[in-house]
Amino acid sequence: MTLLPRTIARSAFLCATAIIASHFFRLSSSVVPFSLLPGIYILGALCFTPLENWLGWMIYLFLGLTGIPVFATPPYGGPSYIFKPTFGFLLGYLCISPLISWIAHYRPNLSQQFLLLISMLGAGLLYIPGLIYFWLIMRFIVQVPTTMEFILKSAFFPFIGGDIIKVFVAFLLARKMRKFWFRGEIKK
C-alpha cells in the first residue's frame, strides 16, 4: 500500500494539532490532566479518513514515546510514559478514532444528528480503554488498591462534563469543515 502525499500531510496536520492541544493547553490535576485532546480526537475522526486518523495518532505516540515532550503530563515523553495511568486514553485515540472516522466517512447521507451521536459515542468509547488501563496501572504498577469508585472519581466524573463540551464544539467545527473536506478530499 502506498501513501499519498496528501494522506501523509493530513496525518501530520492531525498530529501537529494534537501536539499543540496537549502542549500549550494543559492543566495537570492529581492523576489525570485536563487537555483539549478529546476535542481534537473527535474533530479528526469527523474530518479525516480512518487511515489519516490512525497514522496521525501513531505519529503522535511515536514522537512522544521516543522522548519528544508532546504529552500532557510530566515527563511529557519517553518510553516510561507507557506506565502512566492515562496512557490508555492515548491508545484509545489510536484505536477508536479510525472506527469513528469510518462511520463518519463511509456511511452515505449522514444527518447532523447522527454525526453528533457518533461524536458522543466516540467520546464515550474512549473511556473504555482509558479506564481499564488506568485500573491496570494503578493496581499492578503503582500498587494502590483500587475500587470502581476510585477509578470513576479519579478518571471519569471530573472529566466527562468537559469532554462532552469539547466534543460538542468539535462537532460544530467539523460540521463546517466537512462542507469543504468530505471523504478525505477537498471539494472543488
C-alpha atoms as a PDB file:
ATOM      1  CA  MET A   1       0.000   0.000   0.000  1.00  0.00           C
ATOM      2  CA  THR A   2       1.380   3.388  -0.939  1.00  0.00           C
ATOM      3  CA  LEU A   3       0.563   6.519   0.971  1.00  0.00           C
ATOM      4  CA  LEU A   4      -0.414   9.575  -0.998  1.00  0.00           C
ATOM      5  CA  PRO A   5       1.391  12.804  -0.094  1.00  0.00           C
ATOM      6  CA  ARG A   6      -1.990  14.298   0.803  1.00  0.00           C
ATOM      7  CA  THR A   7      -2.630  11.466   3.298  1.00  0.00           C
ATOM      8  CA  ILE A   8       0.772  11.989   4.892  1.00  0.00           C
ATOM      9  CA  ALA A   9       0.247  15.761   5.065  1.00  0.00           C
ATOM     10  CA  ARG A  10      -3.197  15.424   6.670  1.00  0.00           C
ATOM     11  CA  SER A  11      -1.909  12.862   9.153  1.00  0.00           C
ATOM     12  CA  ALA A  12       0.943  15.195  10.057  1.00  0.00           C
ATOM     13  CA  PHE A  13      -1.546  18.048  10.436  1.00  0.00           C
ATOM     14  CA  LEU A  14      -3.645  15.961  12.839  1.00  0.00           C
ATOM     15  CA  CYS A  15      -0.518  15.060  14.793  1.00  0.00           C
ATOM     16  CA  ALA A  16       0.607  18.696  14.932  1.00  0.00           C
ATOM     17  CA  THR A  17      -2.838  19.765  16.119  1.00  0.00           C
ATOM     18  CA  ALA A  18      -2.712  17.135  18.870  1.00  0.00           C
ATOM     19  CA  ILE A  19       0.752  18.327  19.916  1.00  0.00           C
ATOM     20  CA  ILE A  20      -0.396  21.946  20.079  1.00  0.00           C
ATOM     21  CA  ALA A  21      -3.511  20.983  22.049  1.00  0.00           C
ATOM     22  CA  SER A  22      -1.584  18.896  24.572  1.00  0.00           C
ATOM     23  CA  HIS A  23       1.481  21.108  24.847  1.00  0.00           C
ATOM     24  CA  PHE A  24       0.047  24.600  25.061  1.00  0.00           C
ATOM     25  CA  PHE A  25      -3.317  23.912  26.678  1.00  0.00           C
ATOM     26  CA  ARG A  26      -2.552  21.567  29.532  1.00  0.00           C
ATOM     27  CA  LEU A  27      -3.713  21.784  33.098  1.00  0.00           C
ATOM     28  CA  SER A  28      -2.498  18.990  35.344  1.00  0.00           C
ATOM     29  CA  SER A  29      -4.564  17.593  38.139  1.00  0.00           C
ATOM     30  CA  SER A  30      -3.594  14.928  40.634  1.00  0.00           C
ATOM     31  CA  VAL A  31      -3.541  11.957  38.243  1.00  0.00           C
ATOM     32  CA  VAL A  32      -5.444  12.793  35.054  1.00  0.00           C
ATOM     33  CA  PRO A  33      -4.641  16.032  33.195  1.00  0.00           C
ATOM     34  CA  PHE A  34      -7.144  18.356  31.581  1.00  0.00           C
ATOM     35  CA  SER A  35      -6.400  18.719  27.888  1.00  0.00           C
ATOM     36  CA  LEU A  36      -8.102  19.520  24.619  1.00  0.00           C
ATOM     37  CA  LEU A  37      -7.183  16.150  23.097  1.00  0.00           C
ATOM     38  CA  PRO A  38     -10.710  14.661  23.297  1.00  0.00           C
ATOM     39  CA  GLY A  39     -11.965  17.522  21.114  1.00  0.00           C
ATOM     40  CA  ILE A  40      -9.084  17.098  18.662  1.00  0.00           C
ATOM     41  CA  TYR A  41      -9.760  13.354  18.594  1.00  0.00           C
ATOM     42  CA  ILE A  42     -13.414  13.873  17.600  1.00  0.00           C
ATOM     43  CA  LEU A  43     -12.588  16.677  15.161  1.00  0.00           C
ATOM     44  CA  GLY A  44     -10.047  14.428  13.463  1.00  0.00           C
ATOM     45  CA  ALA A  45     -12.434  11.474  13.402  1.00  0.00           C
ATOM     46  CA  LEU A  46     -15.123  13.532  11.681  1.00  0.00           C
ATOM     47  CA  CYS A  47     -12.882  15.352   9.201  1.00  0.00           C
ATOM     48  CA  PHE A  48     -10.102  12.919   8.286  1.00  0.00           C
ATOM     49  CA  THR A  49     -10.183   9.427   6.795  1.00  0.00           C
ATOM     50  CA  PRO A  50      -9.619   6.365   9.007  1.00  0.00           C
ATOM     51  CA  LEU A  51      -6.090   5.926   7.655  1.00  0.00           C
ATOM     52  CA  GLU A  52      -5.234   9.585   8.261  1.00  0.00           C
ATOM     53  CA  ASN A  53      -6.565   9.299  11.818  1.00  0.00           C
ATOM     54  CA  TRP A  54      -4.652   6.143  12.589  1.00  0.00           C
ATOM     55  CA  LEU A  55      -1.449   7.467  11.064  1.00  0.00           C
ATOM     56  CA  GLY A  56      -1.765  10.863  12.783  1.00  0.00           C
ATOM     57  CA  TRP A  57      -2.216   9.311  16.232  1.00  0.00           C
ATOM     58  CA  MET A  58       0.527   6.767  15.520  1.00  0.00           C
ATOM     59  CA  ILE A  59       2.957   9.595  14.711  1.00  0.00           C
ATOM     60  CA  TYR A  60       1.887  11.425  17.879  1.00  0.00           C
ATOM     61  CA  LEU A  61       2.506   8.344  20.046  1.00  0.00           C
ATOM     62  CA  PHE A  62       5.790   7.576  18.297  1.00  0.00           C
ATOM     63  CA  LEU A  63       7.090  11.107  18.848  1.00  0.00           C
ATOM     64  CA  GLY A  64       6.086  11.041  22.493  1.00  0.00           C
ATOM     65  CA  LEU A  65       7.464   7.587  23.226  1.00  0.00           C
ATOM     66  CA  THR A  66      10.806   8.452  21.607  1.00  0.00           C
ATOM     67  CA  GLY A  67      11.250  11.250  24.125  1.00  0.00           C
ATOM     68  CA  ILE A  68       9.935  14.343  22.394  1.00  0.00           C
ATOM     69  CA  PRO A  69       7.873  16.216  25.016  1.00  0.00           C
ATOM     70  CA  VAL A  70       4.431  16.143  23.375  1.00  0.00           C
ATOM     71  CA  PHE A  71       2.281  14.515  26.077  1.00  0.00           C
ATOM     72  CA  ALA A  72       0.174  16.396  28.613  1.00  0.00           C
ATOM     73  CA  THR A  73       1.834  15.380  31.906  1.00  0.00           C
ATOM     74  CA  PRO A  74       5.402  15.059  33.160  1.00  0.00           C
ATOM     75  CA  PRO A  75       7.696  13.572  31.922  1.00  0.00           C
ATOM     76  CA  TYR A  76       5.890  14.739  28.720  1.00  0.00           C
ATOM     77  CA  GLY A  77       7.549  11.997  26.686  1.00  0.00           C
ATOM     78  CA  GLY A  78       9.780   8.952  26.712  1.00  0.00           C
ATOM     79  CA  PRO A  79       9.191   5.209  26.831  1.00  0.00           C
ATOM     80  CA  SER A  80       8.364   5.298  30.543  1.00  0.00           C
ATOM     81  CA  TYR A  81       5.155   7.123  29.644  1.00  0.00           C
ATOM     82  CA  ILE A  82       3.503   3.754  28.979  1.00  0.00           C
ATOM     83  CA  PHE A  83       3.443   3.320  32.768  1.00  0.00           C
ATOM     84  CA  LYS A  84       1.359   6.466  33.258  1.00  0.00           C
ATOM     85  CA  PRO A  85      -2.232   5.647  34.291  1.00  0.00           C
ATOM     86  CA  THR A  86      -3.600   7.853  31.497  1.00  0.00           C
ATOM     87  CA  PHE A  87      -1.707   6.192  28.639  1.00  0.00           C
ATOM     88  CA  GLY A  88      -4.790   4.077  27.897  1.00  0.00           C
ATOM     89  CA  PHE A  89      -6.605   7.168  26.673  1.00  0.00           C
ATOM     90  CA  LEU A  90      -3.842   7.744  24.117  1.00  0.00           C
ATOM     91  CA  LEU A  91      -4.194   4.139  22.971  1.00  0.00           C
ATOM     92  CA  GLY A  92      -7.930   4.790  22.695  1.00  0.00           C
ATOM     93  CA  TYR A  93      -7.305   7.691  20.327  1.00  0.00           C
ATOM     94  CA  LEU A  94      -5.196   5.403  18.163  1.00  0.00           C
ATOM     95  CA  CYS A  95      -7.727   2.549  18.082  1.00  0.00           C
ATOM     96  CA  ILE A  96     -11.138   4.221  18.259  1.00  0.00           C
ATOM     97  CA  SER A  97     -10.532   7.274  16.062  1.00  0.00           C
ATOM     98  CA  PRO A  98     -10.333   5.231  12.823  1.00  0.00           C
ATOM     99  CA  LEU A  99     -13.566   3.438  13.753  1.00  0.00           C
ATOM    100  CA  ILE A 100     -15.483   6.678  14.332  1.00  0.00           C
ATOM    101  CA  SER A 101     -13.919   8.114  11.166  1.00  0.00           C
ATOM    102  CA  TRP A 102     -15.004   5.080   9.167  1.00  0.00           C
ATOM    103  CA  ILE A 103     -18.600   5.506  10.353  1.00  0.00           C
ATOM    104  CA  ALA A 104     -18.487   9.251   9.593  1.00  0.00           C
ATOM    105  CA  HIS A 105     -16.980   8.925   6.124  1.00  0.00           C
ATOM    106  CA  TYR A 106     -18.356   5.791   4.586  1.00  0.00           C
ATOM    107  CA  ARG A 107     -21.991   5.948   5.502  1.00  0.00           C
ATOM    108  CA  PRO A 108     -23.868   7.939   2.846  1.00  0.00           C
ATOM    109  CA  ASN A 109     -26.025  10.962   3.657  1.00  0.00           C
ATOM    110  CA  LEU A 110     -25.298  11.386   7.341  1.00  0.00           C
ATOM    111  CA  SER A 111     -27.656  13.674   9.201  1.00  0.00           C
ATOM    112  CA  GLN A 112     -26.278  16.241  11.616  1.00  0.00           C
ATOM    113  CA  GLN A 113     -27.999  14.423  14.479  1.00  0.00           C
ATOM    114  CA  PHE A 114     -26.240  11.182  13.532  1.00  0.00           C
ATOM    115  CA  LEU A 115     -22.861  12.947  13.380  1.00  0.00           C
ATOM    116  CA  LEU A 116     -23.470  14.368  16.850  1.00  0.00           C
ATOM    117  CA  LEU A 117     -24.498  10.928  18.083  1.00  0.00           C
ATOM    118  CA  ILE A 118     -21.342   9.237  16.783  1.00  0.00           C
ATOM    119  CA  SER A 119     -19.276  12.110  18.212  1.00  0.00           C
ATOM    120  CA  MET A 120     -20.720  11.475  21.662  1.00  0.00           C
ATOM    121  CA  LEU A 121     -20.378   7.725  21.161  1.00  0.00           C
ATOM    122  CA  GLY A 122     -16.716   8.224  20.245  1.00  0.00           C
ATOM    123  CA  ALA A 123     -16.147  10.226  23.421  1.00  0.00           C
ATOM    124  CA  GLY A 124     -17.814   7.520  25.484  1.00  0.00           C
ATOM    125  CA  LEU A 125     -15.904   4.663  23.835  1.00  0.00           C
ATOM    126  CA  LEU A 126     -12.641   6.414  24.659  1.00  0.00           C
ATOM    127  CA  TYR A 127     -13.266   5.814  28.350  1.00  0.00           C
ATOM    128  CA  ILE A 128     -13.285   2.022  27.923  1.00  0.00           C
ATOM    129  CA  PRO A 129      -9.557   1.550  27.175  1.00  0.00           C
ATOM    130  CA  GLY A 130      -8.712   4.604  29.263  1.00  0.00           C
ATOM    131  CA  LEU A 131     -10.357   3.367  32.461  1.00  0.00           C
ATOM    132  CA  ILE A 132      -9.229  -0.239  32.006  1.00  0.00           C
ATOM    133  CA  TYR A 133      -5.610   0.862  31.506  1.00  0.00           C
ATOM    134  CA  PHE A 134      -5.934   3.283  34.435  1.00  0.00           C
ATOM    135  CA  TRP A 135      -7.093   0.426  36.664  1.00  0.00           C
ATOM    136  CA  LEU A 136      -4.301  -1.907  35.471  1.00  0.00           C
ATOM    137  CA  ILE A 137      -1.539   0.634  36.084  1.00  0.00           C
ATOM    138  CA  MET A 138      -2.909   1.774  39.439  1.00  0.00           C
ATOM    139  CA  ARG A 139      -3.421  -1.807  40.606  1.00  0.00           C
ATOM    140  CA  PHE A 140      -0.286  -3.547  39.323  1.00  0.00           C
ATOM    141  CA  ILE A 141       2.354  -0.839  38.739  1.00  0.00           C
ATOM    142  CA  VAL A 142       1.531   1.824  41.335  1.00  0.00           C
ATOM    143  CA  GLN A 143       0.133  -0.937  43.568  1.00  0.00           C
ATOM    144  CA  VAL A 144      -2.692   1.098  45.005  1.00  0.00           C
ATOM    145  CA  PRO A 145      -5.784  -0.880  45.970  1.00  0.00           C
ATOM    146  CA  THR A 146      -8.362   0.439  43.557  1.00  0.00           C
ATOM    147  CA  THR A 147     -12.099   0.227  43.555  1.00  0.00           C
ATOM    148  CA  MET A 148     -14.520   1.121  40.807  1.00  0.00           C
ATOM    149  CA  GLU A 149     -15.490   4.164  42.871  1.00  0.00           C
ATOM    150  CA  PHE A 150     -11.867   5.340  42.987  1.00  0.00           C
ATOM    151  CA  ILE A 151     -11.442   4.873  39.241  1.00  0.00           C
ATOM    152  CA  LEU A 152     -14.633   6.773  38.434  1.00  0.00           C
ATOM    153  CA  LYS A 153     -13.840   9.582  40.892  1.00  0.00           C
ATOM    154  CA  SER A 154     -10.287   9.930  39.566  1.00  0.00           C
ATOM    155  CA  ALA A 155     -10.620   9.472  35.822  1.00  0.00           C
ATOM    156  CA  PHE A 156     -14.276   9.738  34.801  1.00  0.00           C
ATOM    157  CA  PHE A 157     -16.548  12.073  36.764  1.00  0.00           C
ATOM    158  CA  PRO A 158     -14.237  15.122  36.827  1.00  0.00           C
ATOM    159  CA  PHE A 159     -13.733  14.947  33.056  1.00  0.00           C
ATOM    160  CA  ILE A 160     -16.869  13.649  31.362  1.00  0.00           C
ATOM    161  CA  GLY A 161     -18.703  17.001  31.508  1.00  0.00           C
ATOM    162  CA  GLY A 162     -15.770  18.875  29.988  1.00  0.00           C
ATOM    163  CA  ASP A 163     -15.323  16.171  27.371  1.00  0.00           C
ATOM    164  CA  ILE A 164     -18.967  16.500  26.328  1.00  0.00           C
ATOM    165  CA  ILE A 165     -18.474  20.242  25.844  1.00  0.00           C
ATOM    166  CA  LYS A 166     -15.219  19.684  23.885  1.00  0.00           C
ATOM    167  CA  VAL A 167     -16.926  17.074  21.711  1.00  0.00           C
ATOM    168  CA  PHE A 168     -19.853  19.381  21.008  1.00  0.00           C
ATOM    169  CA  VAL A 169     -17.512  22.219  19.994  1.00  0.00           C
ATOM    170  CA  ALA A 170     -15.528  19.779  17.811  1.00  0.00           C
ATOM    171  CA  PHE A 171     -18.791  18.635  16.227  1.00  0.00           C
ATOM    172  CA  LEU A 172     -19.735  22.253  15.415  1.00  0.00           C
ATOM    173  CA  LEU A 173     -16.318  22.873  13.857  1.00  0.00           C
ATOM    174  CA  ALA A 174     -16.428  19.600  11.928  1.00  0.00           C
ATOM    175  CA  ARG A 175     -19.889  20.393  10.606  1.00  0.00           C
ATOM    176  CA  LYS A 176     -18.459  23.485   8.906  1.00  0.00           C
ATOM    177  CA  MET A 177     -15.242  21.761   7.808  1.00  0.00           C
ATOM    178  CA  ARG A 178     -16.993  18.765   6.252  1.00  0.00           C
ATOM    179  CA  LYS A 179     -18.570  21.008   3.632  1.00  0.00           C
ATOM    180  CA  PHE A 180     -15.091  21.559   2.228  1.00  0.00           C
ATOM    181  CA  TRP A 181     -13.359  18.374   3.306  1.00  0.00           C
ATOM    182  CA  PHE A 182     -15.657  15.397   2.855  1.00  0.00           C
ATOM    183  CA  ARG A 183     -14.414  11.807   2.408  1.00  0.00           C
ATOM    184  CA  GLY A 184     -10.858  12.976   2.897  1.00  0.00           C
ATOM    185  CA  GLU A 185     -10.872  15.098  -0.255  1.00  0.00           C
ATOM    186  CA  ILE A 186     -11.253  18.850  -0.582  1.00  0.00           C
ATOM    187  CA  LYS A 187     -14.356  19.601  -2.586  1.00  0.00           C
ATOM    188  CA  LYS A 188     -13.686  21.736  -5.627  1.00  0.00           C
END
